[in-house]
């Protein structure tokens, strides 16, 4: 089940919550509904990665646990705050996104690198159960070469 609270009058944040699942198409569609078309492919990739991490790694795909996404546009910045009910995650490195790339052909770590390449800000809370992502509206060009128009 998906629960949606769109931005009430006078409030800046909307909320979507859903039981842990990897079926994310309708959730991504809702989160990207107000995003300019030229930014959607890149942000879809980043948000999908963040939501998969929350549902799969945070909540262990437990349908009894929820993923909650708060979202807003504030001062030409899109914000997404993604929370899970897991044990938490703290990345080993904060400064250089290329440090997240795995040394071998493993998939582990690539998602974190993708997040840092797509979003202007990537921050976890102290418990590691909440991820804050920010993308500035004025960044019109894609920063991932494969997604350039």
C-alpha atoms as a PDB file:
ATOM      1  CA  UNK A   1       0.000   0.000   0.000  1.00  0.00           C
ATOM      2  CA  UNK A   2       1.175   3.515  -0.838  1.00  0.00           C
ATOM      3  CA  UNK A   3       0.199   6.425   1.382  1.00  0.00           C
ATOM      4  CA  UNK A   4       0.476   9.897  -0.122  1.00  0.00           C
ATOM      5  CA  UNK A   5       0.251  13.277   1.549  1.00  0.00           C
ATOM      6  CA  UNK A   6       0.728  15.946  -1.077  1.00  0.00           C
ATOM      7  CA  UNK A   7       1.731  19.398   0.029  1.00  0.00           C
ATOM      8  CA  UNK A   8      -1.110  20.890   2.042  1.00  0.00           C
ATOM      9  CA  UNK A   9      -1.693  24.616   1.640  1.00  0.00           C
ATOM     10  CA  UNK A  10       0.932  26.543   3.601  1.00  0.00           C
ATOM     11  CA  UNK A  11       3.325  23.606   3.978  1.00  0.00           C
ATOM     12  CA  UNK A  12       6.449  22.892   1.973  1.00  0.00           C
ATOM     13  CA  UNK A  13       6.741  19.107   2.246  1.00  0.00           C
ATOM     14  CA  UNK A  14       4.827  16.230   0.708  1.00  0.00           C
ATOM     15  CA  UNK A  15       5.121  12.651   1.977  1.00  0.00           C
ATOM     16  CA  UNK A  16       4.903   9.221   0.388  1.00  0.00           C
ATOM     17  CA  UNK A  17       5.198   6.044   2.458  1.00  0.00           C
ATOM     18  CA  UNK A  18       5.111   2.467   1.238  1.00  0.00           C
ATOM     19  CA  UNK A  19       5.750  -1.072   2.442  1.00  0.00           C
ATOM     20  CA  UNK A  20       9.232  -2.303   1.527  1.00  0.00           C
ATOM     21  CA  UNK A  21       9.184  -3.437  -2.082  1.00  0.00           C
ATOM     22  CA  UNK A  22      11.296  -3.211  -5.216  1.00  0.00           C
ATOM     23  CA  UNK A  23       8.247  -2.335  -7.322  1.00  0.00           C
ATOM     24  CA  UNK A  24       9.065   1.358  -7.394  1.00  0.00           C
ATOM     25  CA  UNK A  25       7.688   2.629 -10.726  1.00  0.00           C
ATOM     26  CA  UNK A  26       4.546   4.295  -9.311  1.00  0.00           C
ATOM     27  CA  UNK A  27       6.500   5.816  -6.434  1.00  0.00           C
ATOM     28  CA  UNK A  28       9.174   7.208  -8.749  1.00  0.00           C
ATOM     29  CA  UNK A  29       6.474   8.587 -11.057  1.00  0.00           C
ATOM     30  CA  UNK A  30       4.906  10.452  -8.133  1.00  0.00           C
ATOM     31  CA  UNK A  31       8.249  11.778  -6.870  1.00  0.00           C
ATOM     32  CA  UNK A  32       9.226  13.043 -10.327  1.00  0.00           C
ATOM     33  CA  UNK A  33       5.845  14.467 -11.355  1.00  0.00           C
ATOM     34  CA  UNK A  34       6.899  18.099 -10.857  1.00  0.00           C
ATOM     35  CA  UNK A  35      10.518  17.724 -12.027  1.00  0.00           C
ATOM     36  CA  UNK A  36      11.493  19.317 -15.367  1.00  0.00           C
ATOM     37  CA  UNK A  37      11.687  16.725 -18.150  1.00  0.00           C
ATOM     38  CA  UNK A  38      15.377  17.245 -18.859  1.00  0.00           C
ATOM     39  CA  UNK A  39      16.250  16.292 -15.260  1.00  0.00           C
ATOM     40  CA  UNK A  40      13.950  13.285 -14.890  1.00  0.00           C
ATOM     41  CA  UNK A  41      16.105  10.437 -16.260  1.00  0.00           C
ATOM     42  CA  UNK A  42      19.087  11.290 -14.089  1.00  0.00           C
ATOM     43  CA  UNK A  43      17.004  11.857 -10.954  1.00  0.00           C
ATOM     44  CA  UNK A  44      14.970   8.691 -11.571  1.00  0.00           C
ATOM     45  CA  UNK A  45      18.202   6.692 -11.527  1.00  0.00           C
ATOM     46  CA  UNK A  46      19.380   8.333  -8.305  1.00  0.00           C
ATOM     47  CA  UNK A  47      16.051   8.087  -6.495  1.00  0.00           C
ATOM     48  CA  UNK A  48      15.597   4.482  -7.566  1.00  0.00           C
ATOM     49  CA  UNK A  49      19.011   3.638  -6.134  1.00  0.00           C
ATOM     50  CA  UNK A  50      18.180   5.375  -2.845  1.00  0.00           C
ATOM     51  CA  UNK A  51      14.758   3.696  -2.562  1.00  0.00           C
ATOM     52  CA  UNK A  52      16.155   0.249  -3.382  1.00  0.00           C
ATOM     53  CA  UNK A  53      18.806   0.733  -0.694  1.00  0.00           C
ATOM     54  CA  UNK A  54      16.161   1.723   1.870  1.00  0.00           C
ATOM     55  CA  UNK A  55      13.792  -1.165   1.060  1.00  0.00           C
ATOM     56  CA  UNK A  56      16.384  -3.880   0.415  1.00  0.00           C
ATOM     57  CA  UNK A  57      19.342  -3.070   2.639  1.00  0.00           C
ATOM     58  CA  UNK A  58      17.592  -0.992   5.303  1.00  0.00           C
ATOM     59  CA  UNK A  59      14.335  -2.904   5.731  1.00  0.00           C
ATOM     60  CA  UNK A  60      15.479  -6.282   4.320  1.00  0.00           C
ATOM     61  CA  UNK A  61      12.401  -6.222   2.040  1.00  0.00           C
ATOM     62  CA  UNK A  62      10.223  -6.814   5.093  1.00  0.00           C
ATOM     63  CA  UNK A  63       6.694  -5.801   3.958  1.00  0.00           C
ATOM     64  CA  UNK A  64       5.878  -4.955   7.572  1.00  0.00           C
ATOM     65  CA  UNK A  65       8.456  -2.146   7.487  1.00  0.00           C
ATOM     66  CA  UNK A  66       7.880   1.124   5.674  1.00  0.00           C
ATOM     67  CA  UNK A  67       9.987   3.455   3.600  1.00  0.00           C
ATOM     68  CA  UNK A  68       8.980   7.095   4.011  1.00  0.00           C
ATOM     69  CA  UNK A  69       9.938   9.790   1.504  1.00  0.00           C
ATOM     70  CA  UNK A  70       9.437  13.473   2.235  1.00  0.00           C
ATOM     71  CA  UNK A  71       9.963  15.799  -0.729  1.00  0.00           C
ATOM     72  CA  UNK A  72       9.956  19.504  -1.448  1.00  0.00           C
ATOM     73  CA  UNK A  73      11.118  22.318  -3.704  1.00  0.00           C
ATOM     74  CA  UNK A  74      12.691  25.068  -1.613  1.00  0.00           C
ATOM     75  CA  UNK A  75      14.600  28.009  -3.126  1.00  0.00           C
ATOM     76  CA  UNK A  76      15.327  26.290  -6.468  1.00  0.00           C
ATOM     77  CA  UNK A  77      16.450  23.098  -4.720  1.00  0.00           C
ATOM     78  CA  UNK A  78      14.670  19.781  -4.864  1.00  0.00           C
ATOM     79  CA  UNK A  79      14.906  17.846  -1.594  1.00  0.00           C
ATOM     80  CA  UNK A  80      14.128  14.215  -0.818  1.00  0.00           C
ATOM     81  CA  UNK A  81      14.424  12.745   2.680  1.00  0.00           C
ATOM     82  CA  UNK A  82      14.242   8.950   2.594  1.00  0.00           C
ATOM     83  CA  UNK A  83      13.789   7.046   5.866  1.00  0.00           C
ATOM     84  CA  UNK A  84      13.733   3.324   6.559  1.00  0.00           C
ATOM     85  CA  UNK A  85      13.173   1.220   9.687  1.00  0.00           C
ATOM     86  CA  UNK A  86      16.447  -0.693   9.483  1.00  0.00           C
ATOM     87  CA  UNK A  87      19.484  -0.848  11.747  1.00  0.00           C
ATOM     88  CA  UNK A  88      21.194   2.043   9.974  1.00  0.00           C
ATOM     89  CA  UNK A  89      24.081   2.627   7.617  1.00  0.00           C
ATOM     90  CA  UNK A  90      27.062   4.928   7.888  1.00  0.00           C
ATOM     91  CA  UNK A  91      29.295   5.168   4.809  1.00  0.00           C
ATOM     92  CA  UNK A  92      33.044   4.738   5.291  1.00  0.00           C
ATOM     93  CA  UNK A  93      34.012   7.779   3.246  1.00  0.00           C
ATOM     94  CA  UNK A  94      32.317  11.139   2.915  1.00  0.00           C
ATOM     95  CA  UNK A  95      34.638  13.248   0.773  1.00  0.00           C
ATOM     96  CA  UNK A  96      35.390  11.524  -2.540  1.00  0.00           C
ATOM     97  CA  UNK A  97      32.514   9.739  -4.320  1.00  0.00           C
ATOM     98  CA  UNK A  98      34.919   7.662  -6.423  1.00  0.00           C
ATOM     99  CA  UNK A  99      36.032   5.965  -3.201  1.00  0.00           C
ATOM    100  CA  UNK A 100      32.638   4.231  -3.171  1.00  0.00           C
ATOM    101  CA  UNK A 101      33.401   2.392  -6.403  1.00  0.00           C
ATOM    102  CA  UNK A 102      34.159  -1.259  -5.690  1.00  0.00           C
ATOM    103  CA  UNK A 103      37.654  -2.483  -6.621  1.00  0.00           C
ATOM    104  CA  UNK A 104      36.336  -5.579  -8.394  1.00  0.00           C
ATOM    105  CA  UNK A 105      33.241  -6.390 -10.438  1.00  0.00           C
ATOM    106  CA  UNK A 106      31.028  -6.459  -7.345  1.00  0.00           C
ATOM    107  CA  UNK A 107      27.848  -4.401  -7.401  1.00  0.00           C
ATOM    108  CA  UNK A 108      28.375  -3.256  -3.801  1.00  0.00           C
ATOM    109  CA  UNK A 109      29.290   0.415  -3.544  1.00  0.00           C
ATOM    110  CA  UNK A 110      28.255   1.517  -7.021  1.00  0.00           C
ATOM    111  CA  UNK A 111      24.951   2.903  -5.791  1.00  0.00           C
ATOM    112  CA  UNK A 112      26.645   5.245  -3.347  1.00  0.00           C
ATOM    113  CA  UNK A 113      28.892   6.541  -6.096  1.00  0.00           C
ATOM    114  CA  UNK A 114      25.837   7.100  -8.321  1.00  0.00           C
ATOM    115  CA  UNK A 115      24.117   9.090  -5.568  1.00  0.00           C
ATOM    116  CA  UNK A 116      27.133  11.377  -5.190  1.00  0.00           C
ATOM    117  CA  UNK A 117      27.388  11.887  -8.947  1.00  0.00           C
ATOM    118  CA  UNK A 118      23.713  12.773  -9.398  1.00  0.00           C
ATOM    119  CA  UNK A 119      22.851  14.807  -6.315  1.00  0.00           C
ATOM    120  CA  UNK A 120      24.462  18.009  -5.080  1.00  0.00           C
ATOM    121  CA  UNK A 121      24.125  16.953  -1.439  1.00  0.00           C
ATOM    122  CA  UNK A 122      24.050  13.427  -0.002  1.00  0.00           C
ATOM    123  CA  UNK A 123      23.827  13.166   3.795  1.00  0.00           C
ATOM    124  CA  UNK A 124      22.799  10.506   6.323  1.00  0.00           C
ATOM    125  CA  UNK A 125      21.497  11.147   9.811  1.00  0.00           C
ATOM    126  CA  UNK A 126      23.570   9.893  12.772  1.00  0.00           C
ATOM    127  CA  UNK A 127      21.641   6.632  13.039  1.00  0.00           C
ATOM    128  CA  UNK A 128      22.033   5.960   9.316  1.00  0.00           C
ATOM    129  CA  UNK A 129      18.310   5.414   8.793  1.00  0.00           C
ATOM    130  CA  UNK A 130      17.593   8.652   6.953  1.00  0.00           C
ATOM    131  CA  UNK A 131      19.145   9.874   3.715  1.00  0.00           C
ATOM    132  CA  UNK A 132      18.853  13.509   2.621  1.00  0.00           C
ATOM    133  CA  UNK A 133      19.307  14.238  -1.087  1.00  0.00           C
ATOM    134  CA  UNK A 134      19.374  17.640  -2.754  1.00  0.00           C
ATOM    135  CA  UNK A 135      19.494  18.711  -6.397  1.00  0.00           C
ATOM    136  CA  UNK A 136      19.760  22.354  -7.440  1.00  0.00           C
ATOM    137  CA  UNK A 137      17.350  23.376 -10.168  1.00  0.00           C
ATOM    138  CA  UNK A 138      19.875  25.513 -12.045  1.00  0.00           C
ATOM    139  CA  UNK A 139      22.013  22.473 -12.841  1.00  0.00           C
ATOM    140  CA  UNK A 140      20.519  21.906 -16.263  1.00  0.00           C
ATOM    141  CA  UNK A 141      23.236  19.625 -17.668  1.00  0.00           C
ATOM    142  CA  UNK A 142      23.444  15.994 -16.729  1.00  0.00           C
ATOM    143  CA  UNK A 143      26.575  15.078 -14.787  1.00  0.00           C
ATOM    144  CA  UNK A 144      26.479  11.456 -15.915  1.00  0.00           C
ATOM    145  CA  UNK A 145      27.879  11.186 -19.484  1.00  0.00           C
ATOM    146  CA  UNK A 146      25.596   8.299 -20.472  1.00  0.00           C
ATOM    147  CA  UNK A 147      22.500  10.397 -19.818  1.00  0.00           C
ATOM    148  CA  UNK A 148      23.446  13.530 -21.757  1.00  0.00           C
ATOM    149  CA  UNK A 149      20.957  14.660 -24.379  1.00  0.00           C
END
